[in-house]
Structure formats: structure tokens, C-alpha cells
Amino acid sequence: MKAKSFVAIGLIFCFICGAIGLLYRLQDYDAYYYTQIDNSKVKKLPANSDMPYEYSLDCYGKNGKRKKLTFKTYRILREDAYLLLEVRAFGVYRWEEVQPGDLPPKVRDQYRAAG
């Protein structure tokens, strides 16, 4: 009976450690992307939403790799403003406006090529 208890406790311990490791891996604290606001791509959500606007924009990592991201805001953002997006496992965690000079060189190159 003691052997079965030790095996059960060992399996539970392994499961908990695996779950913690998976959550840590999914959290990806270093995922930052840059985007430029295009208000033609904003979607108005229902009025009862606390974040009534949703943007789906092309974003670029510091290495210039493109990724489409969706995030919500409580207001329409300034047209052509550049944003730094902090992305975690379940999407955009937070954003802040940055100046064009703050963009990494590879991101700046992407916007020069597009514009």
C-alpha cells in the first residue's frame, strides 16, 4: 500500500512540475512587437464591452519577422502612431506608443519598404 502511495505522490508531483513548466514556457515574457496604427482596420465591438475597439494589424518583431496580432482598446488610437506591443501566451498584454526613432532597425526597414 505504501508503494502505491509513493507512486501516486510521484505522479502528482511530476504533473504539477510539468504544468508549471508549460505555463512558464507559454508565458514568453520577451515577446515584443511593433506596429503602426491604421484606423481603417479598427472594428467596433458591442457597446457593453469595456474595450469597444479591436485592431488587427501586421506587427514586426525586433528581427523584422511579421506577425498579425489582434488587440482591444478603450478608444480609437492616433492614426500612424507606432506602438510597442507586449505579447504573452494569450495575446497582447499591454501596449504603449513609441517614437519612430525607438523602432529597431529591422522594423524601421519594414516600414520604409511598405511606405
Protein backbone atom coordinates (compact mmCIF):
# COMPACT_ATOMS: atom_id res chain seq x y z
CA MET A 1 0.00 0.00 0.00
CA LYS A 2 2.87 2.39 0.82
CA ALA A 3 4.41 1.77 -2.62
CA LYS A 4 1.17 2.77 -4.35
CA SER A 5 1.02 5.97 -2.28
CA PHE A 6 4.59 6.87 -3.23
CA VAL A 7 3.86 6.24 -6.91
CA ALA A 8 0.69 8.35 -6.75
CA ILE A 9 2.51 11.20 -4.97
CA GLY A 10 5.35 10.97 -7.51
CA LEU A 11 2.92 11.15 -10.44
CA ILE A 12 1.11 14.12 -8.93
CA PHE A 13 4.44 15.86 -8.33
CA CYS A 14 5.52 15.21 -11.95
CA PHE A 15 2.18 16.50 -13.24
CA ILE A 16 2.43 19.71 -11.19
CA CYS A 17 6.03 20.32 -12.27
CA GLY A 18 5.09 19.72 -15.91
CA ALA A 19 2.14 22.11 -15.68
CA ILE A 20 4.30 24.82 -14.10
CA GLY A 21 6.96 24.34 -16.77
CA LEU A 22 4.37 24.52 -19.56
CA LEU A 23 2.84 27.71 -18.17
CA TYR A 24 6.27 29.28 -17.83
CA ARG A 25 7.08 28.34 -21.42
CA LEU A 26 3.78 29.72 -22.71
CA GLN A 27 4.15 33.00 -20.86
CA ASP A 28 7.06 34.13 -23.13
CA TYR A 29 7.93 37.36 -21.30
CA ASP A 30 10.27 38.60 -24.04
CA ALA A 31 7.78 38.79 -26.92
CA TYR A 32 7.64 42.38 -28.11
CA TYR A 33 6.25 43.52 -31.44
CA TYR A 34 5.93 46.89 -33.13
CA THR A 35 3.06 48.13 -35.26
CA GLN A 36 1.74 51.27 -36.89
CA ILE A 37 -1.88 52.26 -36.34
CA ASP A 38 -4.19 52.08 -39.34
CA ASN A 39 -7.68 53.18 -38.27
CA SER A 40 -9.23 51.68 -41.39
CA LYS A 41 -8.61 48.30 -39.71
CA VAL A 42 -10.36 49.02 -36.42
CA LYS A 43 -13.52 47.08 -35.60
CA LYS A 44 -16.26 48.49 -33.36
CA LEU A 45 -17.38 45.96 -30.75
CA PRO A 46 -20.74 45.89 -28.92
CA ALA A 47 -21.43 48.89 -26.69
CA ASN A 48 -21.49 46.80 -23.50
CA SER A 49 -17.82 45.85 -23.92
CA ASP A 50 -15.24 47.51 -21.63
CA MET A 51 -12.86 47.62 -24.61
CA PRO A 52 -15.10 48.70 -27.51
CA TYR A 53 -12.44 48.82 -30.27
CA GLU A 54 -10.44 45.96 -31.76
CA TYR A 55 -7.41 46.32 -34.01
CA SER A 56 -5.99 43.54 -36.23
CA LEU A 57 -2.66 44.77 -37.58
CA ASP A 58 0.55 43.48 -39.10
CA CYS A 59 3.26 43.67 -36.46
CA TYR A 60 7.01 43.12 -36.57
CA GLY A 61 9.38 41.60 -34.05
CA LYS A 62 12.77 43.19 -33.42
CA ASN A 63 14.22 40.85 -36.07
CA GLY A 64 11.73 42.12 -38.67
CA LYS A 65 9.57 38.98 -38.69
CA ARG A 66 5.93 39.80 -39.46
CA LYS A 67 3.01 38.54 -37.39
CA LYS A 68 -0.68 39.53 -37.43
CA LEU A 69 -1.88 40.49 -33.95
CA THR A 70 -5.27 41.49 -32.60
CA PHE A 71 -5.78 43.66 -29.54
CA LYS A 72 -8.54 45.71 -27.95
CA THR A 73 -8.55 49.31 -26.75
CA TYR A 74 -10.94 51.62 -24.97
CA ARG A 75 -10.54 54.38 -27.60
CA ILE A 76 -9.58 54.97 -31.21
CA LEU A 77 -5.80 55.37 -31.39
CA ARG A 78 -3.89 58.11 -33.19
CA GLU A 79 -3.54 57.37 -36.92
CA ASP A 80 0.01 56.36 -37.99
CA ALA A 81 1.24 56.19 -34.38
CA TYR A 82 3.81 53.47 -33.66
CA LEU A 83 3.09 51.06 -30.83
CA LEU A 84 5.20 48.65 -28.84
CA LEU A 85 3.08 45.59 -28.01
CA GLU A 86 3.99 43.22 -25.19
CA VAL A 87 2.66 39.78 -26.11
CA ARG A 88 2.14 36.90 -23.72
CA ALA A 89 0.61 33.45 -24.08
CA PHE A 90 -2.95 34.66 -24.50
CA GLY A 91 -2.36 37.69 -26.72
CA VAL A 92 -1.40 41.32 -26.33
CA TYR A 93 -0.83 42.02 -22.65
CA ARG A 94 -0.17 45.76 -22.93
CA TRP A 95 0.82 48.40 -25.46
CA GLU A 96 2.42 51.81 -25.46
CA GLU A 97 3.08 54.45 -28.08
CA VAL A 98 6.71 54.85 -29.16
CA GLN A 99 8.55 57.32 -31.36
CA PRO A 100 9.77 56.26 -34.84
CA GLY A 101 13.37 56.61 -33.63
CA ASP A 102 12.69 53.96 -30.96
CA LEU A 103 11.95 51.27 -33.55
CA PRO A 104 14.61 48.59 -34.05
CA PRO A 105 16.47 48.94 -37.38
CA LYS A 106 14.87 45.86 -38.98
CA VAL A 107 11.38 47.07 -38.07
CA ARG A 108 12.14 50.53 -39.48
CA ASP A 109 13.30 48.87 -42.70
CA GLN A 110 9.98 47.01 -42.98
CA TYR A 111 8.00 50.24 -42.74
CA ARG A 112 10.28 52.03 -45.22
CA ALA A 113 9.79 49.20 -47.73
CA ALA A 114 5.99 49.29 -47.27
CA GLY A 115 5.65 53.06 -47.48
